[in-house]
Amino acid sequence: MTKRTLTAVAVISLSATLWLGCGYTSGDEKNNVSEEQQEITGPDAGQLNVAVLGDEWQVDSDQNGIPDFIEKESGYNPAGEDCNPEAACGEGVPGADLDLSVNTLLMLDVSGSMAARLGGVPKIDIAKMSLLKYASSVPESIRLGLLVYGHQGNNEQSGKAESCAGIEVMAPIGNLSEANANTIINRFSPTGWTPIASALEKAKQTFGTDRKGRNRIIMVSDGVETCGGDPVSVARQLHSSGFAVTIDVVGFNVPGSDAQQLKRIAEAGGGIYFDARTQSALDTYFQEQNRAAAKTWEAANCYAEAYNKAWLCDANMVLKAIRVLNAESRKAQSAGKNDEVRALEEVRLAINQKHEERKKQRKIIREKWHKLSRDAFEINQKTLKAYGKMRRSP
């Protein structure tokens, strides 16, 4: 990530700018005008003749309302758009520090059936390998956690009670990363029964009390509930609980009858069911997750930085211009030159009018940013739908 050098004003204002840019602007930037900027605000002066101020006050090459000589004195280019939000959004990842995180809990079935082999390799090993690849390549904005079930007791009737109660958060949300994934994921082996409903109830606790966050579960399973619970009902309650939890289900080599329950869990959880029958298919799922989400986050961050940079640039440019007007207005008032005072008011009105127009332009950029942020959360569902259609194609 390349860090850009900011002006002293930008350094002081950056944290506030990002906060405001993230959707907390009061009155759509209206209250961000300083007292100094409001100093000569008055009733509409009408169409006054600014010629009384001199020729230089009438030259505005870029039509932004600010006379060229003021822009030059303030360090701006009077012949071009200094604060163009589109121009600030180039290729690559600008790396704005924004809270665009998604809490993603990986929920893995470690019941006895996961010991079965697929292509000569235990299914649990294939699942672990895919999860490790995913954990090592997700964007930083995706905060990972891991929950496992079915790894205690045994798959005999004698071990059912222990196994059905055996649900464990191996890594809380935000604690699973490339650095520790291998150690955490390889702690367990396939053993017992399949308590999906209870595991989903446990999953809710991992998201804490934050009802404003984006919460997601990716459940990898090779079978249905075997502990007497109702996972479809729990998934529905979890999705509508106010925590905004979406549940995707990856059915790992699941027979047709069992797959129906897993599909219903995904539907009740507002997510998508993906049928992965080979290691390649499972790897493809997680690779597409990374690729699609990363591209969308890049675009969202790019628009976010473009919006914030344009807002800060424009605010500083207008503030500097208003300072010049205020100084000139005080001089004119002291000299009793009322025509010049009114003419300066006309200039101020023109600056404010153009400033409002630029706000509307930036609003479009902000809407793109927010939309892409939402899309980044939803893009994996679209990817799964596409793969489902591909699998049904002849």
Protein backbone atom coordinates (compact mmCIF):
# COMPACT_ATOMS: atom_id res chain seq x y z
CA MET A 1 0.00 0.00 0.00
CA THR A 2 1.44 3.38 -0.97
CA LYS A 3 0.84 6.11 1.56
CA ARG A 4 0.22 9.56 0.18
CA THR A 5 1.70 12.64 1.81
CA LEU A 6 -1.03 14.91 3.15
CA THR A 7 -0.95 18.65 3.79
CA ALA A 8 -0.96 19.88 7.37
CA VAL A 9 -4.65 20.68 7.06
CA ALA A 10 -5.36 17.23 5.66
CA VAL A 11 -3.48 15.53 8.48
CA ILE A 12 -5.50 17.41 11.07
CA SER A 13 -8.78 16.81 9.27
CA LEU A 14 -8.32 13.26 7.98
CA SER A 15 -9.86 11.36 10.88
CA ALA A 16 -12.88 13.63 10.93
CA THR A 17 -13.16 13.41 7.16
CA LEU A 18 -13.21 9.61 7.18
CA TRP A 19 -15.79 9.61 9.97
CA LEU A 20 -18.00 12.00 8.06
CA GLY A 21 -17.42 10.19 4.79
CA CYS A 22 -18.51 6.88 6.29
CA GLY A 23 -22.12 8.00 6.33
CA TYR A 24 -22.23 10.17 9.45
CA THR A 25 -22.36 13.58 7.77
CA SER A 26 -24.87 15.84 9.45
CA GLY A 27 -27.19 17.53 6.99
CA ASP A 28 -25.14 16.19 4.05
CA GLU A 29 -22.09 18.33 4.84
CA LYS A 30 -24.28 21.38 5.56
CA ASN A 31 -23.08 21.79 9.13
CA ASN A 32 -19.41 21.55 8.18
CA VAL A 33 -19.27 25.21 7.09
CA SER A 34 -17.17 27.18 9.56
CA GLU A 35 -18.24 30.34 11.34
CA GLU A 36 -15.66 32.23 9.32
CA GLN A 37 -17.22 30.98 6.11
CA GLN A 38 -20.61 32.28 7.28
CA GLU A 39 -19.28 35.69 8.33
CA ILE A 40 -20.55 37.71 5.36
CA THR A 41 -23.67 35.65 4.75
CA GLY A 42 -26.69 37.88 4.20
CA PRO A 43 -29.81 38.29 2.07
CA ASP A 44 -29.55 37.62 -1.65
CA ALA A 45 -27.87 40.67 -3.11
CA GLY A 46 -29.40 40.08 -6.55
CA GLN A 47 -27.49 40.60 -9.74
CA LEU A 48 -24.88 43.09 -8.58
CA ASN A 49 -22.01 44.28 -10.74
CA VAL A 50 -18.77 42.70 -9.51
CA ALA A 51 -16.89 44.98 -11.90
CA VAL A 52 -16.53 47.43 -9.01
CA LEU A 53 -14.05 44.98 -7.51
CA GLY A 54 -11.75 45.04 -10.54
CA ASP A 55 -11.12 42.85 -13.58
CA GLU A 56 -9.37 40.04 -11.69
CA TRP A 57 -12.54 39.31 -9.72
CA GLN A 58 -14.42 38.51 -12.94
CA VAL A 59 -12.06 35.80 -14.24
CA ASP A 60 -13.11 32.25 -13.28
CA SER A 61 -11.60 29.86 -15.83
CA ASP A 62 -12.82 26.59 -14.30
CA GLN A 63 -16.28 27.99 -13.45
CA ASN A 64 -16.15 26.86 -9.82
CA GLY A 65 -17.24 30.27 -8.50
CA ILE A 66 -13.80 31.19 -7.16
CA PRO A 67 -11.88 33.92 -9.05
CA ASP A 68 -8.66 32.66 -10.62
CA PHE A 69 -6.35 34.91 -8.64
CA ILE A 70 -7.72 33.58 -5.33
CA GLU A 71 -7.19 29.98 -6.47
CA LYS A 72 -3.61 30.77 -7.49
CA GLU A 73 -2.86 32.46 -4.16
CA SER A 74 -4.32 29.44 -2.35
CA GLY A 75 -2.23 26.93 -4.30
CA TYR A 76 -4.92 25.62 -6.66
CA ASN A 77 -5.06 25.39 -10.44
CA PRO A 78 -7.62 27.91 -11.74
CA ALA A 79 -7.70 26.27 -15.16
CA GLY A 80 -8.69 22.77 -13.98
CA GLU A 81 -10.72 20.80 -11.45
CA ASP A 82 -8.54 20.32 -8.37
CA CYS A 83 -11.09 18.34 -6.38
CA ASN A 84 -12.56 15.99 -8.98
CA PRO A 85 -13.72 12.83 -7.18
CA GLU A 86 -13.62 10.77 -10.38
CA ALA A 87 -10.01 11.74 -11.04
CA ALA A 88 -9.01 10.54 -7.58
CA CYS A 89 -10.22 7.01 -8.30
CA GLY A 90 -7.62 5.17 -10.33
CA GLU A 91 -6.74 1.51 -10.66
CA GLY A 92 -5.62 -0.62 -7.75
CA VAL A 93 -6.37 -0.49 -4.06
CA PRO A 94 -6.06 2.96 -2.47
CA GLY A 95 -6.23 1.41 1.00
CA ALA A 96 -8.52 3.79 2.86
CA ASP A 97 -8.80 2.79 6.51
CA LEU A 98 -12.54 2.19 6.66
CA ASP A 99 -14.71 -0.15 8.71
CA LEU A 100 -15.89 -2.33 5.84
CA SER A 101 -15.37 -5.55 7.79
CA VAL A 102 -17.50 -8.67 7.55
CA ASN A 103 -17.61 -11.11 10.46
CA THR A 104 -17.38 -14.57 8.90
CA LEU A 105 -17.70 -17.71 10.98
CA LEU A 106 -16.52 -20.92 9.32
CA MET A 107 -18.60 -23.78 10.74
CA LEU A 108 -17.16 -27.23 10.04
CA ASP A 109 -18.82 -30.61 10.43
CA VAL A 110 -16.32 -32.98 12.08
CA SER A 111 -18.74 -35.88 12.56
CA GLY A 112 -17.64 -39.46 11.95
CA SER A 113 -18.80 -39.48 8.33
CA MET A 114 -16.14 -36.89 7.46
CA ALA A 115 -13.55 -39.65 7.89
CA ALA A 116 -14.81 -41.31 4.71
CA ARG A 117 -12.51 -41.02 1.72
CA LEU A 118 -13.09 -39.14 -1.48
CA GLY A 119 -10.66 -39.98 -4.25
CA GLY A 120 -8.51 -41.76 -1.71
CA VAL A 121 -8.31 -38.72 0.60
CA PRO A 122 -10.35 -38.32 3.83
CA LYS A 123 -13.08 -35.73 3.36
CA ILE A 124 -12.00 -33.95 6.52
CA ASP A 125 -8.50 -33.45 5.08
CA ILE A 126 -9.93 -31.99 1.88
CA ALA A 127 -12.14 -29.63 3.89
CA LYS A 128 -9.24 -28.56 6.12
CA MET A 129 -7.03 -27.91 3.11
CA SER A 130 -9.65 -25.69 1.51
CA LEU A 131 -10.27 -23.76 4.73
CA LEU A 132 -6.53 -23.18 5.13
CA LYS A 133 -6.31 -21.78 1.61
CA TYR A 134 -9.28 -19.53 2.32
CA ALA A 135 -7.89 -18.25 5.63
CA SER A 136 -4.54 -17.46 4.03
CA SER A 137 -5.93 -15.34 1.22
CA VAL A 138 -9.05 -13.47 2.39
CA PRO A 139 -8.96 -9.64 2.42
CA GLU A 140 -8.18 -8.06 5.80
CA SER A 141 -11.72 -6.68 5.90
CA ILE A 142 -13.08 -10.23 6.39
CA ARG A 143 -12.73 -11.17 10.06
CA LEU A 144 -12.65 -14.96 10.39
CA GLY A 145 -13.61 -17.33 13.16
CA LEU A 146 -13.98 -21.12 13.35
CA LEU A 147 -16.57 -23.34 15.03
CA VAL A 148 -16.53 -27.15 14.85
CA TYR A 149 -19.02 -29.80 15.89
CA GLY A 150 -19.11 -33.62 15.97
CA HIS A 151 -15.51 -33.95 17.17
CA GLN A 152 -16.30 -35.35 20.62
CA GLY A 153 -17.77 -38.61 21.90
CA ASN A 154 -18.13 -41.22 19.17
CA ASN A 155 -20.58 -42.16 16.44
CA GLU A 156 -22.05 -45.02 18.47
CA GLN A 157 -25.23 -44.71 20.54
CA SER A 158 -23.12 -44.78 23.69
CA GLY A 159 -21.29 -41.62 22.67
CA LYS A 160 -24.23 -39.73 21.18
CA ALA A 161 -25.00 -37.48 24.16
CA GLU A 162 -21.41 -36.35 24.50
CA SER A 163 -21.05 -35.89 20.76
CA CYS A 164 -24.27 -33.89 20.36
CA ALA A 165 -23.10 -31.55 23.11
CA GLY A 166 -19.63 -31.33 21.60
CA ILE A 167 -19.67 -27.94 19.91
CA GLU A 168 -16.59 -25.79 20.22
CA VAL A 169 -15.48 -22.35 19.05
CA MET A 170 -11.90 -23.04 18.01
CA ALA A 171 -11.27 -19.39 17.09
CA PRO A 172 -13.55 -16.44 17.97
CA ILE A 173 -14.43 -13.97 15.21
CA GLY A 174 -11.30 -12.08 14.20
CA ASN A 175 -8.93 -14.68 15.70
CA LEU A 176 -8.45 -16.97 12.70
CA SER A 177 -5.74 -15.84 10.33
CA GLU A 178 -3.06 -17.15 8.01
CA ALA A 179 -0.59 -17.13 10.91
CA ASN A 180 -2.54 -19.49 13.18
CA ALA A 181 -4.98 -21.27 10.85
CA ASN A 182 -2.88 -24.41 10.39
CA THR A 183 -2.46 -24.94 14.14
CA ILE A 184 -6.12 -24.30 14.94
CA ILE A 185 -7.72 -26.23 12.08
CA ASN A 186 -5.61 -29.35 12.64
CA ARG A 187 -6.52 -29.74 16.32
CA PHE A 188 -9.48 -32.04 15.68
CA SER A 189 -10.47 -35.27 13.92
CA PRO A 190 -13.85 -36.62 12.70
CA THR A 191 -15.54 -38.54 15.50
CA GLY A 192 -19.24 -38.38 16.31
CA TRP A 193 -22.73 -37.15 15.47
CA THR A 194 -24.05 -34.04 13.69
CA PRO A 195 -25.66 -31.38 15.97
CA ILE A 196 -26.27 -28.70 13.31
CA ALA A 197 -29.13 -26.94 15.16
CA SER A 198 -27.18 -26.62 18.41
CA ALA A 199 -24.10 -25.52 16.48
CA LEU A 200 -26.07 -22.70 14.83
CA GLU A 201 -27.35 -21.59 18.25
CA LYS A 202 -23.76 -21.54 19.50
CA ALA A 203 -22.70 -19.63 16.39
CA LYS A 204 -24.95 -16.70 17.31
CA GLN A 205 -22.92 -16.13 20.48
CA THR A 206 -19.72 -15.64 18.47
CA PHE A 207 -21.07 -12.43 16.92
CA GLY A 208 -21.39 -10.72 20.31
CA THR A 209 -23.95 -7.95 20.77
CA ASP A 210 -23.17 -5.87 17.68
CA ARG A 211 -26.40 -5.75 15.70
CA LYS A 212 -25.00 -3.27 13.17
CA GLY A 213 -22.19 -5.48 11.89
CA ARG A 214 -22.30 -7.73 8.85
CA ASN A 215 -22.34 -11.30 10.07
CA ARG A 216 -21.97 -14.40 7.97
CA ILE A 217 -21.74 -18.15 8.48
CA ILE A 218 -20.20 -20.56 5.97
CA MET A 219 -21.14 -24.08 7.04
CA VAL A 220 -19.31 -27.05 5.50
CA SER A 221 -21.12 -30.35 6.10
CA ASP A 222 -21.47 -33.78 4.52
CA GLY A 223 -24.77 -34.73 6.14
CA VAL A 224 -27.95 -33.80 7.97
CA GLU A 225 -28.88 -33.16 11.60
CA THR A 226 -28.59 -36.38 13.66
CA CYS A 227 -29.06 -35.03 17.19
CA GLY A 228 -32.80 -34.33 17.04
CA GLY A 229 -32.62 -30.56 16.51
CA ASP A 230 -34.40 -28.41 13.93
CA PRO A 231 -31.60 -26.58 12.08
CA VAL A 232 -33.97 -25.00 9.55
CA SER A 233 -35.96 -23.30 12.31
CA VAL A 234 -32.79 -22.17 14.10
CA ALA A 235 -31.36 -20.81 10.84
CA ARG A 236 -34.54 -18.84 10.22
CA GLN A 237 -34.49 -17.39 13.75
CA LEU A 238 -30.81 -16.52 13.44
CA HIS A 239 -31.30 -14.76 10.12
CA SER A 240 -34.21 -12.67 11.45
CA SER A 241 -32.76 -12.06 14.91
CA GLY A 242 -31.54 -8.54 14.20
CA PHE A 243 -27.91 -9.60 13.83
CA ALA A 244 -28.08 -9.58 10.02
CA VAL A 245 -26.63 -13.11 9.85
CA THR A 246 -26.49 -14.78 6.44
CA ILE A 247 -25.92 -18.54 6.31
CA ASP A 248 -24.28 -20.21 3.32
CA VAL A 249 -24.06 -23.99 3.27
CA VAL A 250 -21.44 -25.99 1.39
CA GLY A 251 -22.69 -29.54 1.01
CA PHE A 252 -19.62 -31.75 0.78
CA ASN A 253 -20.41 -34.86 -1.32
CA VAL A 254 -23.93 -35.01 0.14
CA PRO A 255 -26.48 -37.53 -1.24
CA GLY A 256 -29.62 -36.07 -2.79
CA SER A 257 -32.03 -36.69 0.11
CA ASP A 258 -29.68 -35.19 2.70
CA ALA A 259 -28.87 -32.26 0.44
CA GLN A 260 -32.49 -31.11 0.64
CA GLN A 261 -32.21 -30.33 4.35
CA LEU A 262 -28.96 -28.45 3.84
CA LYS A 263 -30.59 -26.43 1.05
CA ARG A 264 -33.47 -25.53 3.37
CA ILE A 265 -30.99 -24.39 6.03
CA ALA A 266 -29.32 -22.07 3.52
CA GLU A 267 -32.66 -20.71 2.30
CA ALA A 268 -33.90 -20.11 5.86
CA GLY A 269 -30.62 -18.34 6.63
CA GLY A 270 -30.90 -16.03 3.64
CA GLY A 271 -27.92 -17.65 1.93
CA ILE A 272 -27.04 -20.06 -0.84
CA TYR A 273 -26.45 -23.80 -0.97
CA PHE A 274 -23.37 -24.95 -2.88
CA ASP A 275 -22.85 -28.60 -3.80
CA ALA A 276 -19.13 -29.44 -3.71
CA ARG A 277 -18.49 -33.04 -4.73
CA THR A 278 -14.74 -32.88 -5.24
CA GLN A 279 -11.76 -31.13 -3.72
CA SER A 280 -11.51 -29.06 -6.88
CA ALA A 281 -15.09 -27.86 -6.49
CA LEU A 282 -14.54 -26.97 -2.85
CA ASP A 283 -11.34 -25.10 -3.67
CA THR A 284 -13.12 -23.28 -6.49
CA TYR A 285 -15.82 -22.11 -4.10
CA PHE A 286 -13.36 -20.48 -1.71
CA GLN A 287 -11.18 -19.10 -4.51
CA GLU A 288 -14.18 -17.39 -6.07
CA GLN A 289 -15.14 -16.06 -2.65
CA ASN A 290 -11.76 -14.37 -2.36
CA ARG A 291 -11.53 -13.12 -5.91
CA ALA A 292 -15.02 -11.62 -6.10
CA ALA A 293 -14.93 -10.07 -2.63
CA ALA A 294 -11.44 -8.62 -3.10
CA LYS A 295 -12.32 -6.91 -6.38
CA THR A 296 -15.46 -5.41 -4.91
CA TRP A 297 -13.72 -4.19 -1.76
CA GLU A 298 -11.06 -2.57 -3.95
CA ALA A 299 -13.69 -0.68 -5.90
CA ALA A 300 -15.56 0.32 -2.72
CA ASN A 301 -12.36 1.56 -1.08
CA CYS A 302 -11.39 3.44 -4.22
CA TYR A 303 -14.68 5.34 -4.28
CA ALA A 304 -14.44 5.92 -0.52
CA GLU A 305 -11.03 7.52 -0.84
CA ALA A 306 -12.16 9.51 -3.88
CA TYR A 307 -15.13 10.87 -1.94
CA ASN A 308 -13.13 11.73 1.17
CA LYS A 309 -10.27 13.36 -0.73
CA ALA A 310 -12.67 15.43 -2.84
CA TRP A 311 -14.63 16.52 0.25
CA LEU A 312 -11.48 17.60 2.11
CA CYS A 313 -9.99 19.32 -0.94
CA ASP A 314 -13.18 21.22 -1.71
CA ALA A 315 -13.78 22.24 1.90
CA ASN A 316 -10.25 23.66 2.18
CA MET A 317 -10.46 25.43 -1.18
CA VAL A 318 -13.78 27.11 -0.31
CA LEU A 319 -12.58 28.02 3.18
CA LYS A 320 -9.47 29.73 1.81
CA ALA A 321 -11.56 31.65 -0.71
CA ILE A 322 -14.01 32.79 1.97
CA ARG A 323 -11.12 34.01 4.11
CA VAL A 324 -10.00 36.25 1.25
CA LEU A 325 -13.57 37.54 0.80
CA ASN A 326 -13.91 38.24 4.52
CA ALA A 327 -10.67 40.20 4.59
CA GLU A 328 -11.69 42.24 1.53
CA SER A 329 -15.16 42.81 2.97
CA ARG A 330 -13.75 44.19 6.22
CA LYS A 331 -11.53 46.58 4.26
CA ALA A 332 -14.46 47.76 2.14
CA GLN A 333 -16.69 48.23 5.19
CA SER A 334 -14.00 50.27 6.94
CA ALA A 335 -13.67 52.47 3.86
CA GLY A 336 -17.45 52.86 3.52
CA LYS A 337 -17.46 51.19 0.09
CA ASN A 338 -20.88 49.56 0.31
CA ASP A 339 -21.00 48.68 -3.41
CA GLU A 340 -17.88 46.56 -2.97
CA VAL A 341 -19.32 44.90 0.14
CA ARG A 342 -22.43 43.91 -1.82
CA ALA A 343 -20.34 42.78 -4.79
CA LEU A 344 -18.26 40.57 -2.50
CA GLU A 345 -21.48 39.09 -1.18
CA GLU A 346 -22.43 38.23 -4.75
CA VAL A 347 -19.11 36.45 -5.20
CA ARG A 348 -19.69 34.51 -1.99
CA LEU A 349 -23.14 33.46 -3.18
CA ALA A 350 -21.65 32.23 -6.45
CA ILE A 351 -18.99 30.24 -4.57
CA ASN A 352 -21.63 28.63 -2.36
CA GLN A 353 -23.84 27.78 -5.33
CA LYS A 354 -21.00 26.00 -7.12
CA HIS A 355 -20.01 24.33 -3.86
CA GLU A 356 -23.53 22.89 -3.53
CA GLU A 357 -23.35 21.58 -7.10
CA ARG A 358 -20.11 19.79 -6.31
CA LYS A 359 -21.72 18.28 -3.21
CA LYS A 360 -24.34 16.70 -5.44
CA GLN A 361 -21.60 15.27 -7.66
CA ARG A 362 -19.86 13.81 -4.63
CA LYS A 363 -23.12 12.31 -3.43
CA ILE A 364 -23.13 10.11 -6.53
CA ILE A 365 -19.62 8.91 -5.66
CA ARG A 366 -20.65 8.22 -2.07
CA GLU A 367 -23.65 6.21 -3.26
CA LYS A 368 -21.35 4.12 -5.49
CA TRP A 369 -19.05 3.51 -2.54
CA HIS A 370 -21.90 2.41 -0.26
CA LYS A 371 -23.45 0.23 -2.95
CA LEU A 372 -20.16 -1.53 -3.64
CA SER A 373 -19.68 -2.10 0.08
CA ARG A 374 -23.05 -3.87 0.16
CA ASP A 375 -22.21 -5.75 -3.03
CA ALA A 376 -18.97 -7.01 -1.51
CA PHE A 377 -21.00 -8.71 1.20
CA GLU A 378 -23.45 -10.18 -1.29
CA ILE A 379 -21.08 -11.03 -4.14
CA ASN A 380 -20.39 -14.55 -2.92
CA GLN A 381 -24.09 -15.42 -3.09
CA LYS A 382 -24.13 -14.31 -6.72
CA THR A 383 -21.04 -16.41 -7.40
CA LEU A 384 -22.71 -19.47 -5.91
CA LYS A 385 -25.83 -18.95 -8.03
CA ALA A 386 -23.69 -18.78 -11.14
CA TYR A 387 -21.92 -22.01 -10.27
CA GLY A 388 -25.24 -23.68 -9.58
CA LYS A 389 -26.43 -22.78 -13.06
CA MET A 390 -23.18 -24.04 -14.56
CA ARG A 391 -23.59 -27.41 -12.86
CA ARG A 392 -27.12 -27.77 -14.23
CA SER A 393 -26.04 -26.89 -17.76
CA PRO A 394 -25.65 -29.82 -20.22
